[in-house]
């Protein structure tokens, strides 16, 4: 079964969940605003894709950070530390199956290729 990580009120997460439901793809949802996300899980994702893909620098949370804090995020370790504290900075949704990262973000064409629909 797929596990969708995100925030339920995020428009992009809602679109992705809607797409999965429409195509009858079973999934569990992990709300990392309520449940958090471990540095170990973030590290696992970073081992499967670049941390720069996971860290959302276009969002409000990143933009509200002090420039000195932003400037310190130059390594995977620093990015993981920041994303574990500020889960809103993780690009959404992140979808995995059996600990394997399947996708980050939502793109309908890409979803069709990945999930075979």
PDB file of N, CA and C in Angstrom:
ATOM      1  N   UNK A   1       0.829  -1.183   0.000  1.00  0.00           N
ATOM      2  CA  UNK A   1       0.000   0.000   0.000  1.00  0.00           C
ATOM      3  C   UNK A   1       0.878   1.252   0.000  1.00  0.00           C
ATOM      4  N   UNK A   2       0.415   2.249  -0.685  1.00  0.00           N
ATOM      5  CA  UNK A   2       1.129   3.519  -0.742  1.00  0.00           C
ATOM      6  C   UNK A   2       0.886   4.312   0.541  1.00  0.00           C
ATOM      7  N   UNK A   3       1.867   5.115   0.901  1.00  0.00           N
ATOM      8  CA  UNK A   3       1.714   6.042   2.019  1.00  0.00           C
ATOM      9  C   UNK A   3       1.967   7.441   1.477  1.00  0.00           C
ATOM     10  N   UNK A   4       0.998   8.317   1.703  1.00  0.00           N
ATOM     11  CA  UNK A   4       1.070   9.695   1.255  1.00  0.00           C
ATOM     12  C   UNK A   4       1.410  10.563   2.466  1.00  0.00           C
ATOM     13  N   UNK A   5       2.507  11.307   2.360  1.00  0.00           N
ATOM     14  CA  UNK A   5       2.924  12.209   3.426  1.00  0.00           C
ATOM     15  C   UNK A   5       2.600  13.633   3.000  1.00  0.00           C
ATOM     16  N   UNK A   6       2.009  14.382   3.912  1.00  0.00           N
ATOM     17  CA  UNK A   6       1.697  15.767   3.595  1.00  0.00           C
ATOM     18  C   UNK A   6       0.892  16.425   4.680  1.00  0.00           C
ATOM     19  N   UNK A   7       0.219  17.483   4.280  1.00  0.00           N
ATOM     20  CA  UNK A   7      -0.641  18.276   5.153  1.00  0.00           C
ATOM     21  C   UNK A   7      -2.022  18.275   4.496  1.00  0.00           C
ATOM     22  N   UNK A   8      -3.062  17.886   5.226  1.00  0.00           N
ATOM     23  CA  UNK A   8      -4.373  17.688   4.592  1.00  0.00           C
ATOM     24  C   UNK A   8      -4.980  18.928   3.936  1.00  0.00           C
ATOM     25  N   UNK A   9      -4.684  20.108   4.434  1.00  0.00           N
ATOM     26  CA  UNK A   9      -5.288  21.306   3.844  1.00  0.00           C
ATOM     27  C   UNK A   9      -4.464  21.913   2.703  1.00  0.00           C
ATOM     28  N   UNK A  10      -3.395  21.245   2.299  1.00  0.00           N
ATOM     29  CA  UNK A  10      -2.559  21.711   1.186  1.00  0.00           C
ATOM     30  C   UNK A  10      -3.265  21.392  -0.139  1.00  0.00           C
ATOM     31  N   UNK A  11      -3.406  22.384  -0.998  1.00  0.00           N
ATOM     32  CA  UNK A  11      -4.084  22.186  -2.287  1.00  0.00           C
ATOM     33  C   UNK A  11      -3.425  21.095  -3.125  1.00  0.00           C
ATOM     34  N   UNK A  12      -2.110  21.067  -3.146  1.00  0.00           N
ATOM     35  CA  UNK A  12      -1.398  20.077  -3.953  1.00  0.00           C
ATOM     36  C   UNK A  12      -1.628  18.670  -3.411  1.00  0.00           C
ATOM     37  N   UNK A  13      -1.627  18.533  -2.098  1.00  0.00           N
ATOM     38  CA  UNK A  13      -1.903  17.230  -1.475  1.00  0.00           C
ATOM     39  C   UNK A  13      -3.327  16.802  -1.806  1.00  0.00           C
ATOM     40  N   UNK A  14      -4.266  17.731  -1.721  1.00  0.00           N
ATOM     41  CA  UNK A  14      -5.663  17.419  -2.031  1.00  0.00           C
ATOM     42  C   UNK A  14      -5.822  16.965  -3.484  1.00  0.00           C
ATOM     43  N   UNK A  15      -5.113  17.604  -4.405  1.00  0.00           N
ATOM     44  CA  UNK A  15      -5.166  17.193  -5.821  1.00  0.00           C
ATOM     45  C   UNK A  15      -4.608  15.783  -5.991  1.00  0.00           C
ATOM     46  N   UNK A  16      -3.484  15.518  -5.340  1.00  0.00           N
ATOM     47  CA  UNK A  16      -2.857  14.192  -5.444  1.00  0.00           C
ATOM     48  C   UNK A  16      -3.758  13.111  -4.857  1.00  0.00           C
ATOM     49  N   UNK A  17      -4.329  13.370  -3.697  1.00  0.00           N
ATOM     50  CA  UNK A  17      -5.232  12.404  -3.064  1.00  0.00           C
ATOM     51  C   UNK A  17      -6.468  12.189  -3.940  1.00  0.00           C
ATOM     52  N   UNK A  18      -6.985  13.269  -4.488  1.00  0.00           N
ATOM     53  CA  UNK A  18      -8.134  13.144  -5.391  1.00  0.00           C
ATOM     54  C   UNK A  18      -7.800  12.275  -6.591  1.00  0.00           C
ATOM     55  N   UNK A  19      -6.609  12.457  -7.148  1.00  0.00           N
ATOM     56  CA  UNK A  19      -6.176  11.664  -8.298  1.00  0.00           C
ATOM     57  C   UNK A  19      -6.067  10.191  -7.914  1.00  0.00           C
ATOM     58  N   UNK A  20      -5.451   9.905  -6.761  1.00  0.00           N
ATOM     59  CA  UNK A  20      -5.302   8.523  -6.310  1.00  0.00           C
ATOM     60  C   UNK A  20      -6.668   7.872  -6.080  1.00  0.00           C
ATOM     61  N   UNK A  21      -7.576   8.602  -5.457  1.00  0.00           N
ATOM     62  CA  UNK A  21      -8.926   8.066  -5.214  1.00  0.00           C
ATOM     63  C   UNK A  21      -9.653   7.806  -6.529  1.00  0.00           C
ATOM     64  N   UNK A  22      -9.566   8.757  -7.450  1.00  0.00           N
ATOM     65  CA  UNK A  22     -10.222   8.616  -8.755  1.00  0.00           C
ATOM     66  C   UNK A  22      -9.755   7.357  -9.478  1.00  0.00           C
ATOM     67  N   UNK A  23      -8.465   7.041  -9.324  1.00  0.00           N
ATOM     68  CA  UNK A  23      -7.885   5.885 -10.005  1.00  0.00           C
ATOM     69  C   UNK A  23      -7.850   4.636  -9.114  1.00  0.00           C
ATOM     70  N   UNK A  24      -8.575   4.731  -7.992  1.00  0.00           N
ATOM     71  CA  UNK A  24      -8.735   3.584  -7.084  1.00  0.00           C
ATOM     72  C   UNK A  24      -7.400   2.983  -6.627  1.00  0.00           C
ATOM     73  N   UNK A  25      -6.485   3.854  -6.299  1.00  0.00           N
ATOM     74  CA  UNK A  25      -5.178   3.429  -5.804  1.00  0.00           C
ATOM     75  C   UNK A  25      -5.210   3.548  -4.274  1.00  0.00           C
ATOM     76  N   UNK A  26      -5.106   2.425  -3.565  1.00  0.00           N
ATOM     77  CA  UNK A  26      -5.189   2.467  -2.103  1.00  0.00           C
ATOM     78  C   UNK A  26      -3.968   3.146  -1.481  1.00  0.00           C
ATOM     79  N   UNK A  27      -4.230   3.903  -0.427  1.00  0.00           N
ATOM     80  CA  UNK A  27      -3.138   4.600   0.255  1.00  0.00           C
ATOM     81  C   UNK A  27      -3.524   4.887   1.702  1.00  0.00           C
ATOM     82  N   UNK A  28      -2.509   5.133   2.495  1.00  0.00           N
ATOM     83  CA  UNK A  28      -2.660   5.645   3.861  1.00  0.00           C
ATOM     84  C   UNK A  28      -2.138   7.068   3.843  1.00  0.00           C
ATOM     85  N   UNK A  29      -2.683   7.909   4.711  1.00  0.00           N
ATOM     86  CA  UNK A  29      -2.219   9.297   4.771  1.00  0.00           C
ATOM     87  C   UNK A  29      -1.483   9.545   6.081  1.00  0.00           C
ATOM     88  N   UNK A  30      -0.331  10.185   5.976  1.00  0.00           N
ATOM     89  CA  UNK A  30       0.468  10.574   7.136  1.00  0.00           C
ATOM     90  C   UNK A  30       0.528  12.098   7.176  1.00  0.00           C
ATOM     91  N   UNK A  31      -0.150  12.674   8.142  1.00  0.00           N
ATOM     92  CA  UNK A  31      -0.166  14.132   8.322  1.00  0.00           C
ATOM     93  C   UNK A  31       1.040  14.512   9.162  1.00  0.00           C
ATOM     94  N   UNK A  32       2.079  15.040   8.516  1.00  0.00           N
ATOM     95  CA  UNK A  32       3.259  15.333   9.309  1.00  0.00           C
ATOM     96  C   UNK A  32       3.174  16.639  10.070  1.00  0.00           C
ATOM     97  N   UNK A  33       2.088  17.353   9.952  1.00  0.00           N
ATOM     98  CA  UNK A  33       1.849  18.485  10.852  1.00  0.00           C
ATOM     99  C   UNK A  33       1.445  17.948  12.222  1.00  0.00           C
ATOM    100  N   UNK A  34       0.619  16.902  12.221  1.00  0.00           N
ATOM    101  CA  UNK A  34       0.150  16.312  13.481  1.00  0.00           C
ATOM    102  C   UNK A  34       1.083  15.227  13.989  1.00  0.00           C
ATOM    103  N   UNK A  35       1.574  14.384  13.085  1.00  0.00           N
ATOM    104  CA  UNK A  35       2.354  13.210  13.484  1.00  0.00           C
ATOM    105  C   UNK A  35       3.858  13.437  13.443  1.00  0.00           C
ATOM    106  N   UNK A  36       4.280  14.529  12.806  1.00  0.00           N
ATOM    107  CA  UNK A  36       5.707  14.793  12.675  1.00  0.00           C
ATOM    108  C   UNK A  36       6.347  13.895  11.630  1.00  0.00           C
ATOM    109  N   UNK A  37       7.637  14.071  11.472  1.00  0.00           N
ATOM    110  CA  UNK A  37       8.414  13.254  10.534  1.00  0.00           C
ATOM    111  C   UNK A  37       9.815  13.104  11.143  1.00  0.00           C
ATOM    112  N   UNK A  38      10.309  11.915  11.146  1.00  0.00           N
ATOM    113  CA  UNK A  38      11.601  11.682  11.797  1.00  0.00           C
ATOM    114  C   UNK A  38      12.761  12.082  10.883  1.00  0.00           C
ATOM    115  N   UNK A  39      13.855  12.497  11.496  1.00  0.00           N
ATOM    116  CA  UNK A  39      15.057  12.759  10.704  1.00  0.00           C
ATOM    117  C   UNK A  39      15.498  11.511   9.918  1.00  0.00           C
ATOM    118  N   UNK A  40      15.242  10.328  10.484  1.00  0.00           N
ATOM    119  CA  UNK A  40      15.603   9.084   9.806  1.00  0.00           C
ATOM    120  C   UNK A  40      14.797   8.909   8.515  1.00  0.00           C
ATOM    121  N   UNK A  41      13.510   9.229   8.569  1.00  0.00           N
ATOM    122  CA  UNK A  41      12.666   9.129   7.372  1.00  0.00           C
ATOM    123  C   UNK A  41      13.142  10.137   6.329  1.00  0.00           C
ATOM    124  N   UNK A  42      13.427  11.353   6.762  1.00  0.00           N
ATOM    125  CA  UNK A  42      13.928  12.374   5.840  1.00  0.00           C
ATOM    126  C   UNK A  42      15.253  11.939   5.222  1.00  0.00           C
ATOM    127  N   UNK A  43      16.105  11.352   6.030  1.00  0.00           N
ATOM    128  CA  UNK A  43      17.390  10.858   5.536  1.00  0.00           C
ATOM    129  C   UNK A  43      17.185   9.750   4.506  1.00  0.00           C
ATOM    130  N   UNK A  44      16.220   8.876   4.769  1.00  0.00           N
ATOM    131  CA  UNK A  44      15.909   7.807   3.811  1.00  0.00           C
ATOM    132  C   UNK A  44      15.461   8.399   2.478  1.00  0.00           C
ATOM    133  N   UNK A  45      14.603   9.396   2.540  1.00  0.00           N
ATOM    134  CA  UNK A  45      14.153  10.040   1.298  1.00  0.00           C
ATOM    135  C   UNK A  45      15.318  10.713   0.581  1.00  0.00           C
ATOM    136  N   UNK A  46      16.176  11.371   1.347  1.00  0.00           N
ATOM    137  CA  UNK A  46      17.326  12.054   0.741  1.00  0.00           C
ATOM    138  C   UNK A  46      18.305  11.069   0.104  1.00  0.00           C
ATOM    139  N   UNK A  47      18.304   9.841   0.569  1.00  0.00           N
ATOM    140  CA  UNK A  47      19.173   8.840  -0.044  1.00  0.00           C
ATOM    141  C   UNK A  47      18.585   8.357  -1.382  1.00  0.00           C
ATOM    142  N   UNK A  48      17.305   8.683  -1.611  1.00  0.00           N
ATOM    143  CA  UNK A  48      16.628   8.251  -2.833  1.00  0.00           C
ATOM    144  C   UNK A  48      16.404   9.386  -3.831  1.00  0.00           C
ATOM    145  N   UNK A  49      16.505  10.604  -3.373  1.00  0.00           N
ATOM    146  CA  UNK A  49      16.402  11.785  -4.243  1.00  0.00           C
ATOM    147  C   UNK A  49      17.193  12.911  -3.591  1.00  0.00           C
ATOM    148  N   UNK A  50      17.480  13.924  -4.327  1.00  0.00           N
ATOM    149  CA  UNK A  50      18.268  15.039  -3.795  1.00  0.00           C
ATOM    150  C   UNK A  50      17.476  15.815  -2.739  1.00  0.00           C
ATOM    151  N   UNK A  51      18.162  16.209  -1.673  1.00  0.00           N
ATOM    152  CA  UNK A  51      17.496  16.983  -0.625  1.00  0.00           C
ATOM    153  C   UNK A  51      16.945  18.294  -1.180  1.00  0.00           C
ATOM    154  N   UNK A  52      17.570  18.802  -2.235  1.00  0.00           N
ATOM    155  CA  UNK A  52      17.099  20.046  -2.850  1.00  0.00           C
ATOM    156  C   UNK A  52      15.702  19.893  -3.455  1.00  0.00           C
ATOM    157  N   UNK A  53      15.339  18.660  -3.826  1.00  0.00           N
ATOM    158  CA  UNK A  53      13.998  18.391  -4.350  1.00  0.00           C
ATOM    159  C   UNK A  53      12.986  18.368  -3.209  1.00  0.00           C
ATOM    160  N   UNK A  54      13.386  17.820  -2.074  1.00  0.00           N
ATOM    161  CA  UNK A  54      12.482  17.714  -0.926  1.00  0.00           C
ATOM    162  C   UNK A  54      12.260  19.044  -0.215  1.00  0.00           C
ATOM    163  N   UNK A  55      13.258  19.884  -0.175  1.00  0.00           N
ATOM    164  CA  UNK A  55      13.157  21.164   0.534  1.00  0.00           C
ATOM    165  C   UNK A  55      12.481  22.193  -0.365  1.00  0.00           C
ATOM    166  N   UNK A  56      11.311  22.630   0.051  1.00  0.00           N
ATOM    167  CA  UNK A  56      10.533  23.589  -0.729  1.00  0.00           C
ATOM    168  C   UNK A  56      10.956  25.018  -0.384  1.00  0.00           C
ATOM    169  N   UNK A  57      11.754  25.600  -1.267  1.00  0.00           N
ATOM    170  CA  UNK A  57      12.219  26.974  -1.055  1.00  0.00           C
ATOM    171  C   UNK A  57      11.277  28.005  -1.662  1.00  0.00           C
ATOM    172  N   UNK A  58      10.187  27.552  -2.267  1.00  0.00           N
ATOM    173  CA  UNK A  58       9.225  28.480  -2.871  1.00  0.00           C
ATOM    174  C   UNK A  58       8.088  28.829  -1.918  1.00  0.00           C
ATOM    175  N   UNK A  59       7.977  28.090  -0.819  1.00  0.00           N
ATOM    176  CA  UNK A  59       6.864  28.270   0.109  1.00  0.00           C
ATOM    177  C   UNK A  59       7.052  29.413   1.085  1.00  0.00           C
ATOM    178  N   UNK A  60       5.959  29.746   1.739  1.00  0.00           N
ATOM    179  CA  UNK A  60       5.929  30.845   2.703  1.00  0.00           C
ATOM    180  C   UNK A  60       6.862  30.594   3.874  1.00  0.00           C
ATOM    181  N   UNK A  61       6.899  29.375   4.371  1.00  0.00           N
ATOM    182  CA  UNK A  61       7.721  29.075   5.551  1.00  0.00           C
ATOM    183  C   UNK A  61       9.191  29.368   5.276  1.00  0.00           C
ATOM    184  N   UNK A  62       9.678  28.951   4.111  1.00  0.00           N
ATOM    185  CA  UNK A  62      11.072  29.234   3.746  1.00  0.00           C
ATOM    186  C   UNK A  62      11.298  30.740   3.630  1.00  0.00           C
ATOM    187  N   UNK A  63      10.391  31.415   2.966  1.00  0.00           N
ATOM    188  CA  UNK A  63      10.539  32.853   2.737  1.00  0.00           C
ATOM    189  C   UNK A  63      10.503  33.656   4.028  1.00  0.00           C
ATOM    190  N   UNK A  64       9.846  33.116   5.052  1.00  0.00           N
ATOM    191  CA  UNK A  64       9.760  33.819   6.333  1.00  0.00           C
ATOM    192  C   UNK A  64      10.981  33.582   7.225  1.00  0.00           C
ATOM    193  N   UNK A  65      11.816  32.634   6.834  1.00  0.00           N
ATOM    194  CA  UNK A  65      13.035  32.386   7.606  1.00  0.00           C
ATOM    195  C   UNK A  65      14.008  33.544   7.464  1.00  0.00           C
ATOM    196  N   UNK A  66      14.749  33.781   8.503  1.00  0.00           N
ATOM    197  CA  UNK A  66      15.805  34.780   8.464  1.00  0.00           C
ATOM    198  C   UNK A  66      16.832  34.373   7.406  1.00  0.00           C
ATOM    199  N   UNK A  67      17.376  35.336   6.702  1.00  0.00           N
ATOM    200  CA  UNK A  67      18.344  35.056   5.634  1.00  0.00           C
ATOM    201  C   UNK A  67      19.578  34.313   6.148  1.00  0.00           C
ATOM    202  N   UNK A  68      19.956  34.564   7.389  1.00  0.00           N
ATOM    203  CA  UNK A  68      21.123  33.865   7.934  1.00  0.00           C
ATOM    204  C   UNK A  68      20.822  32.375   8.117  1.00  0.00           C
ATOM    205  N   UNK A  69      19.579  32.048   8.484  1.00  0.00           N
ATOM    206  CA  UNK A  69      19.176  30.651   8.621  1.00  0.00           C
ATOM    207  C   UNK A  69      19.144  30.003   7.237  1.00  0.00           C
ATOM    208  N   UNK A  70      18.570  30.693   6.269  1.00  0.00           N
ATOM    209  CA  UNK A  70      18.524  30.178   4.896  1.00  0.00           C
ATOM    210  C   UNK A  70      19.935  29.908   4.370  1.00  0.00           C
ATOM    211  N   UNK A  71      20.826  30.807   4.636  1.00  0.00           N
ATOM    212  CA  UNK A  71      22.195  30.693   4.123  1.00  0.00           C
ATOM    213  C   UNK A  71      22.934  29.483   4.688  1.00  0.00           C
ATOM    214  N   UNK A  72      22.522  29.004   5.853  1.00  0.00           N
ATOM    215  CA  UNK A  72      23.181  27.853   6.482  1.00  0.00           C
ATOM    216  C   UNK A  72      22.739  26.520   5.884  1.00  0.00           C
ATOM    217  N   UNK A  73      21.682  26.532   5.078  1.00  0.00           N
ATOM    218  CA  UNK A  73      21.166  25.284   4.517  1.00  0.00           C
ATOM    219  C   UNK A  73      21.882  25.005   3.198  1.00  0.00           C
ATOM    220  N   UNK A  74      23.068  24.418   3.343  1.00  0.00           N
ATOM    221  CA  UNK A  74      23.901  24.112   2.173  1.00  0.00           C
ATOM    222  C   UNK A  74      24.213  22.625   2.067  1.00  0.00           C
ATOM    223  N   UNK A  75      23.766  21.859   3.069  1.00  0.00           N
ATOM    224  CA  UNK A  75      24.050  20.431   3.083  1.00  0.00           C
ATOM    225  C   UNK A  75      22.776  19.639   3.367  1.00  0.00           C
ATOM    226  N   UNK A  76      22.837  18.356   3.057  1.00  0.00           N
ATOM    227  CA  UNK A  76      21.709  17.462   3.345  1.00  0.00           C
ATOM    228  C   UNK A  76      21.396  17.454   4.839  1.00  0.00           C
ATOM    229  N   UNK A  77      22.436  17.381   5.660  1.00  0.00           N
ATOM    230  CA  UNK A  77      22.251  17.342   7.107  1.00  0.00           C
ATOM    231  C   UNK A  77      21.504  18.586   7.598  1.00  0.00           C
ATOM    232  N   UNK A  78      21.890  19.748   7.109  1.00  0.00           N
ATOM    233  CA  UNK A  78      21.232  20.999   7.518  1.00  0.00           C
ATOM    234  C   UNK A  78      19.786  21.034   7.028  1.00  0.00           C
ATOM    235  N   UNK A  79      19.563  20.542   5.817  1.00  0.00           N
ATOM    236  CA  UNK A  79      18.206  20.521   5.255  1.00  0.00           C
ATOM    237  C   UNK A  79      17.304  19.584   6.054  1.00  0.00           C
ATOM    238  N   UNK A  80      17.814  18.415   6.409  1.00  0.00           N
ATOM    239  CA  UNK A  80      17.038  17.452   7.193  1.00  0.00           C
ATOM    240  C   UNK A  80      16.671  18.042   8.545  1.00  0.00           C
ATOM    241  N   UNK A  81      17.618  18.666   9.186  1.00  0.00           N
ATOM    242  CA  UNK A  81      17.366  19.286  10.491  1.00  0.00           C
ATOM    243  C   UNK A  81      16.249  20.325  10.377  1.00  0.00           C
ATOM    244  N   UNK A  82      16.306  21.146   9.360  1.00  0.00           N
ATOM    245  CA  UNK A  82      15.311  22.198   9.146  1.00  0.00           C
ATOM    246  C   UNK A  82      13.937  21.605   8.802  1.00  0.00           C
ATOM    247  N   UNK A  83      13.895  20.601   7.924  1.00  0.00           N
ATOM    248  CA  UNK A  83      12.620  20.000   7.534  1.00  0.00           C
ATOM    249  C   UNK A  83      11.964  19.247   8.692  1.00  0.00           C
ATOM    250  N   UNK A  84      12.767  18.663   9.574  1.00  0.00           N
ATOM    251  CA  UNK A  84      12.213  17.955  10.731  1.00  0.00           C
ATOM    252  C   UNK A  84      11.532  18.939  11.683  1.00  0.00           C
ATOM    253  N   UNK A  85      12.070  20.135  11.778  1.00  0.00           N
ATOM    254  CA  UNK A  85      11.495  21.169  12.652  1.00  0.00           C
ATOM    255  C   UNK A  85      10.326  21.868  11.966  1.00  0.00           C
ATOM    256  N   UNK A  86      10.512  22.239  10.712  1.00  0.00           N
ATOM    257  CA  UNK A  86       9.503  22.974   9.938  1.00  0.00           C
ATOM    258  C   UNK A  86       8.972  22.061   8.830  1.00  0.00           C
ATOM    259  N   UNK A  87       8.035  21.181   9.167  1.00  0.00           N
ATOM    260  CA  UNK A  87       7.540  20.208   8.198  1.00  0.00           C
ATOM    261  C   UNK A  87       6.860  20.865   6.997  1.00  0.00           C
ATOM    262  N   UNK A  88       6.428  22.095   7.142  1.00  0.00           N
ATOM    263  CA  UNK A  88       5.810  22.807   6.009  1.00  0.00           C
ATOM    264  C   UNK A  88       6.801  23.040   4.878  1.00  0.00           C
ATOM    265  N   UNK A  89       8.081  22.889   5.169  1.00  0.00           N
ATOM    266  CA  UNK A  89       9.106  23.107   4.144  1.00  0.00           C
ATOM    267  C   UNK A  89       9.365  21.883   3.283  1.00  0.00           C
ATOM    268  N   UNK A  90       8.710  20.769   3.604  1.00  0.00           N
ATOM    269  CA  UNK A  90       8.879  19.567   2.788  1.00  0.00           C
ATOM    270  C   UNK A  90       7.924  19.677   1.608  1.00  0.00           C
ATOM    271  N   UNK A  91       8.450  19.528   0.407  1.00  0.00           N
ATOM    272  CA  UNK A  91       7.600  19.575  -0.781  1.00  0.00           C
ATOM    273  C   UNK A  91       6.532  18.496  -0.664  1.00  0.00           C
ATOM    274  N   UNK A  92       5.327  18.835  -1.073  1.00  0.00           N
ATOM    275  CA  UNK A  92       4.201  17.934  -0.863  1.00  0.00           C
ATOM    276  C   UNK A  92       3.500  17.588  -2.158  1.00  0.00           C
ATOM    277  N   UNK A  93       2.889  16.389  -2.135  1.00  0.00           N
ATOM    278  CA  UNK A  93       3.054  15.295  -1.188  1.00  0.00           C
ATOM    279  C   UNK A  93       4.296  14.471  -1.517  1.00  0.00           C
ATOM    280  N   UNK A  94       4.718  13.710  -0.525  1.00  0.00           N
ATOM    281  CA  UNK A  94       5.746  12.693  -0.727  1.00  0.00           C
ATOM    282  C   UNK A  94       5.012  11.359  -0.646  1.00  0.00           C
ATOM    283  N   UNK A  95       5.219  10.514  -1.642  1.00  0.00           N
ATOM    284  CA  UNK A  95       4.543   9.215  -1.667  1.00  0.00           C
ATOM    285  C   UNK A  95       5.592   8.114  -1.727  1.00  0.00           C
ATOM    286  N   UNK A  96       5.398   7.124  -0.859  1.00  0.00           N
ATOM    287  CA  UNK A  96       6.302   5.987  -0.856  1.00  0.00           C
ATOM    288  C   UNK A  96       5.503   4.690  -0.769  1.00  0.00           C
ATOM    289  N   UNK A  97       6.171   3.623  -1.148  1.00  0.00           N
ATOM    290  CA  UNK A  97       5.597   2.281  -1.030  1.00  0.00           C
ATOM    291  C   UNK A  97       6.711   1.351  -0.582  1.00  0.00           C
ATOM    292  N   UNK A  98       6.478   0.647   0.513  1.00  0.00           N
ATOM    293  CA  UNK A  98       7.480  -0.273   1.062  1.00  0.00           C
ATOM    294  C   UNK A  98       8.828   0.424   1.252  1.00  0.00           C
ATOM    295  N   UNK A  99       8.785   1.628   1.819  1.00  0.00           N
ATOM    296  CA  UNK A  99       9.991   2.429   2.099  1.00  0.00           C
ATOM    297  C   UNK A  99      10.675   2.972   0.845  1.00  0.00           C
ATOM    298  N   UNK A 100      10.102   2.737  -0.319  1.00  0.00           N
ATOM    299  CA  UNK A 100      10.681   3.248  -1.566  1.00  0.00           C
ATOM    300  C   UNK A 100       9.962   4.530  -1.969  1.00  0.00           C
ATOM    301  N   UNK A 101      10.719   5.569  -2.185  1.00  0.00           N
ATOM    302  CA  UNK A 101      10.166   6.860  -2.599  1.00  0.00           C
ATOM    303  C   UNK A 101       9.631   6.742  -4.021  1.00  0.00           C
ATOM    304  N   UNK A 102       8.346   7.038  -4.188  1.00  0.00           N
ATOM    305  CA  UNK A 102       7.709   6.920  -5.498  1.00  0.00           C
ATOM    306  C   UNK A 102       7.622   8.266  -6.210  1.00  0.00           C
ATOM    307  N   UNK A 103       7.250   9.319  -5.460  1.00  0.00           N
ATOM    308  CA  UNK A 103       7.113  10.639  -6.081  1.00  0.00           C
ATOM    309  C   UNK A 103       7.167  11.732  -5.022  1.00  0.00           C
ATOM    310  N   UNK A 104       7.546  12.925  -5.491  1.00  0.00           N
ATOM    311  CA  UNK A 104       7.568  14.130  -4.654  1.00  0.00           C
ATOM    312  C   UNK A 104       6.837  15.204  -5.437  1.00  0.00           C
ATOM    313  N   UNK A 105       5.793  15.782  -4.825  1.00  0.00           N
ATOM    314  CA  UNK A 105       4.976  16.778  -5.521  1.00  0.00           C
ATOM    315  C   UNK A 105       3.884  16.086  -6.318  1.00  0.00           C
ATOM    316  N   UNK A 106       3.128  16.885  -7.055  1.00  0.00           N
ATOM    317  CA  UNK A 106       2.051  16.321  -7.864  1.00  0.00           C
ATOM    318  C   UNK A 106       2.138  16.818  -9.292  1.00  0.00           C
ATOM    319  N   UNK A 107       2.148  15.877 -10.208  1.00  0.00           N
ATOM    320  CA  UNK A 107       2.112  16.143 -11.640  1.00  0.00           C
ATOM    321  C   UNK A 107       1.268  15.023 -12.231  1.00  0.00           C
ATOM    322  N   UNK A 108       0.122  15.371 -12.787  1.00  0.00           N
ATOM    323  CA  UNK A 108      -0.824  14.370 -13.266  1.00  0.00           C
ATOM    324  C   UNK A 108      -0.219  13.430 -14.306  1.00  0.00           C
ATOM    325  N   UNK A 109       0.573  13.953 -15.222  1.00  0.00           N
ATOM    326  CA  UNK A 109       1.196  13.128 -16.258  1.00  0.00           C
ATOM    327  C   UNK A 109       2.194  12.158 -15.621  1.00  0.00           C
ATOM    328  N   UNK A 110       2.985  12.667 -14.712  1.00  0.00           N
ATOM    329  CA  UNK A 110       3.965  11.829 -14.023  1.00  0.00           C
ATOM    330  C   UNK A 110       3.269  10.763 -13.177  1.00  0.00           C
ATOM    331  N   UNK A 111       2.197  11.130 -12.496  1.00  0.00           N
ATOM    332  CA  UNK A 111       1.439  10.167 -11.700  1.00  0.00           C
ATOM    333  C   UNK A 111       0.933   9.031 -12.589  1.00  0.00           C
ATOM    334  N   UNK A 112       0.416   9.366 -13.757  1.00  0.00           N
ATOM    335  CA  UNK A 112      -0.098   8.338 -14.679  1.00  0.00           C
ATOM    336  C   UNK A 112       1.000   7.356 -15.047  1.00  0.00           C
ATOM    337  N   UNK A 113       2.224   7.853 -15.249  1.00  0.00           N
ATOM    338  CA  UNK A 113       3.349   6.976 -15.586  1.00  0.00           C
ATOM    339  C   UNK A 113       3.764   6.125 -14.390  1.00  0.00           C
ATOM    340  N   UNK A 114       3.886   6.750 -13.240  1.00  0.00           N
ATOM    341  CA  UNK A 114       4.367   6.045 -12.040  1.00  0.00           C
ATOM    342  C   UNK A 114       3.356   5.012 -11.561  1.00  0.00           C
ATOM    343  N   UNK A 115       2.104   5.412 -11.517  1.00  0.00           N
ATOM    344  CA  UNK A 115       1.081   4.564 -10.919  1.00  0.00           C
ATOM    345  C   UNK A 115       0.277   3.767 -11.941  1.00  0.00           C
ATOM    346  N   UNK A 116       0.705   3.808 -13.195  1.00  0.00           N
ATOM    347  CA  UNK A 116       0.152   2.960 -14.228  1.00  0.00           C
ATOM    348  C   UNK A 116      -1.289   3.206 -14.587  1.00  0.00           C
ATOM    349  N   UNK A 117      -1.679   4.472 -14.647  1.00  0.00           N
ATOM    350  CA  UNK A 117      -3.076   4.795 -14.981  1.00  0.00           C
ATOM    351  C   UNK A 117      -3.139   5.730 -16.171  1.00  0.00           C
TER     352      UNK A 117
END
